[in-house]
Amino acid sequence: MKIDGQCHCGAITYEAEVDPEHTTICHCADCQTLSGTVFRTSIRADGDKFRMLKGEPKVYVKTGDSGAKRAQAFCANCGSPIYATAAEGDGPKIYNIRAGTVRQRDQFVPKLQIWCRSEQQWLPRLGSIRKLEKQS
């Protein structure tokens, strides 16, 4: 499926060819901190199927518990996270595109949750919390 997306301010735009089956939720502590929320939803794209159209993201390299280095790309202007990928290695590049920046995000249903040991314990109870259609 062809997708396109951008950061909040529009300084960075991209397109990719992805398989919706590769949509995941990560509950790790790093994703919670880096996203500013309690989990992050990503869509996998092979490196040869991801293309930046406008702008160049700023990259922060974090080292995970395993010692692996991950490049976290975001807009230097508005701060929107765009993708993560391996920061080192000669293997094929894989991009984990941040679902919130994808224009077609409503078409991506997560198929896998990872790092569930770090999941916030109140998440399963979301369905019982009062909802408002918009901020009042």
Protein backbone atom coordinates (compact mmCIF):
# COMPACT_ATOMS: atom_id res chain seq x y z
CA MET A 1 0.00 0.00 0.00
CA LYS A 2 1.33 3.42 -0.91
CA ILE A 3 1.34 5.96 1.92
CA ASP A 4 2.48 9.52 2.41
CA GLY A 5 2.97 11.62 5.47
CA GLN A 6 4.45 14.66 7.08
CA CYS A 7 5.44 16.26 10.33
CA HIS A 8 3.00 18.60 12.09
CA CYS A 9 4.43 21.79 10.57
CA GLY A 10 4.87 20.34 7.06
CA ALA A 11 8.64 20.93 6.88
CA ILE A 12 9.22 17.19 6.33
CA THR A 13 7.25 15.02 3.91
CA TYR A 14 7.77 11.43 2.78
CA GLU A 15 6.19 8.53 0.93
CA ALA A 16 6.54 4.78 1.25
CA GLU A 17 5.20 1.45 0.12
CA VAL A 18 4.18 -0.62 3.14
CA ASP A 19 2.32 -3.75 4.16
CA PRO A 20 -0.46 -2.87 6.67
CA GLU A 21 0.16 -6.25 8.34
CA HIS A 22 3.44 -4.81 9.66
CA THR A 23 1.81 -2.32 12.03
CA THR A 24 2.94 -2.67 15.64
CA ILE A 25 2.52 -1.07 19.03
CA CYS A 26 5.60 -0.79 21.24
CA HIS A 27 5.18 -0.34 24.99
CA CYS A 28 8.90 -0.06 25.88
CA ALA A 29 10.03 2.69 28.24
CA ASP A 30 12.11 4.32 25.48
CA CYS A 31 9.08 4.61 23.16
CA GLN A 32 7.03 6.02 26.01
CA THR A 33 9.63 8.71 26.70
CA LEU A 34 10.51 9.47 23.08
CA SER A 35 6.86 9.78 22.02
CA GLY A 36 5.70 11.66 25.12
CA THR A 37 2.88 9.14 25.59
CA VAL A 38 2.45 5.57 26.84
CA PHE A 39 3.05 3.60 23.63
CA ARG A 40 4.08 4.14 20.04
CA THR A 41 2.48 2.77 16.88
CA SER A 42 4.78 2.16 13.90
CA ILE A 43 4.51 0.86 10.36
CA ARG A 44 7.45 -1.01 8.90
CA ALA A 45 8.88 0.01 5.52
CA ASP A 46 11.82 -1.57 3.73
CA GLY A 47 14.59 0.94 3.04
CA ASP A 48 14.18 0.83 -0.71
CA LYS A 49 10.47 1.63 -0.33
CA PHE A 50 10.81 4.73 1.86
CA ARG A 51 11.62 8.13 0.38
CA MET A 52 11.95 11.57 1.87
CA LEU A 53 10.23 14.15 -0.36
CA LYS A 54 10.92 17.39 1.49
CA GLY A 55 13.13 18.41 4.38
CA GLU A 56 15.74 16.53 6.33
CA PRO A 57 14.96 15.21 9.80
CA LYS A 58 17.21 15.74 12.78
CA VAL A 59 18.50 12.42 14.11
CA TYR A 60 19.08 11.37 17.70
CA VAL A 61 20.88 8.04 18.21
CA LYS A 62 19.82 6.09 21.28
CA THR A 63 21.42 2.94 22.63
CA GLY A 64 18.99 0.23 23.70
CA ASP A 65 19.37 -2.27 26.54
CA SER A 66 20.85 -4.72 24.00
CA GLY A 67 23.54 -2.22 23.00
CA ALA A 68 22.00 -1.74 19.55
CA LYS A 69 22.00 1.84 18.31
CA ARG A 70 18.73 3.20 16.87
CA ALA A 71 18.45 6.43 14.90
CA GLN A 72 15.35 8.39 15.94
CA ALA A 73 14.42 10.89 13.21
CA PHE A 74 12.22 13.88 13.97
CA CYS A 75 11.41 17.35 12.69
CA ALA A 76 13.80 19.89 14.21
CA ASN A 77 11.12 22.57 13.83
CA CYS A 78 7.97 21.04 15.37
CA GLY A 79 9.41 17.92 17.07
CA SER A 80 7.19 15.36 15.32
CA PRO A 81 8.81 11.89 15.38
CA ILE A 82 9.06 10.59 11.78
CA TYR A 83 10.81 7.20 11.94
CA ALA A 84 13.39 5.01 13.65
CA THR A 85 15.96 2.79 11.98
CA ALA A 86 19.20 0.99 12.79
CA ALA A 87 22.01 3.49 13.23
CA GLU A 88 24.73 1.00 12.31
CA GLY A 89 25.26 -2.08 10.20
CA ASP A 90 25.50 -3.10 6.59
CA GLY A 91 22.25 -5.05 6.38
CA PRO A 92 19.14 -3.86 4.59
CA LYS A 93 17.65 -0.72 6.13
CA ILE A 94 14.22 -0.99 7.74
CA TYR A 95 12.27 2.13 8.71
CA ASN A 96 9.68 2.11 11.47
CA ILE A 97 7.47 4.99 10.38
CA ARG A 98 5.57 6.69 13.20
CA ALA A 99 1.90 6.07 12.43
CA GLY A 100 0.74 9.48 13.67
CA THR A 101 2.56 11.15 10.76
CA VAL A 102 0.96 8.92 8.09
CA ARG A 103 -1.93 10.60 6.26
CA GLN A 104 -3.71 7.23 5.86
CA ARG A 105 -3.22 6.28 9.54
CA ASP A 106 -6.88 5.35 9.98
CA GLN A 107 -6.28 2.34 7.70
CA PHE A 108 -3.58 0.78 9.90
CA VAL A 109 -4.73 -1.57 12.65
CA PRO A 110 -1.88 -2.88 14.83
CA LYS A 111 -1.23 -6.61 14.44
CA LEU A 112 1.38 -7.04 17.19
CA GLN A 113 2.24 -5.46 20.55
CA ILE A 114 5.81 -5.67 21.86
CA TRP A 115 7.54 -4.87 25.15
CA CYS A 116 4.26 -5.53 26.95
CA ARG A 117 6.04 -5.92 30.29
CA SER A 118 6.31 -2.10 30.23
CA GLU A 119 2.65 -1.55 29.28
CA GLN A 120 0.79 0.87 31.53
CA GLN A 121 -1.56 -1.19 33.69
CA TRP A 122 -4.54 1.12 33.09
CA LEU A 123 -4.56 0.67 29.28
CA PRO A 124 -6.96 -2.32 29.28
CA ARG A 125 -9.53 -0.17 31.13
CA LEU A 126 -9.68 2.60 28.49
CA GLY A 127 -13.03 1.37 27.20
CA SER A 128 -14.67 2.18 30.53
CA ILE A 129 -13.45 5.80 30.67
CA ARG A 130 -15.86 8.58 29.70
CA LYS A 131 -15.38 9.90 26.15
CA LEU A 132 -15.94 13.34 24.62
CA GLU A 133 -16.10 13.82 20.82
CA LYS A 134 -13.90 16.93 21.11
CA GLN A 135 -12.42 19.12 23.81
CA SER A 136 -15.15 21.13 25.49
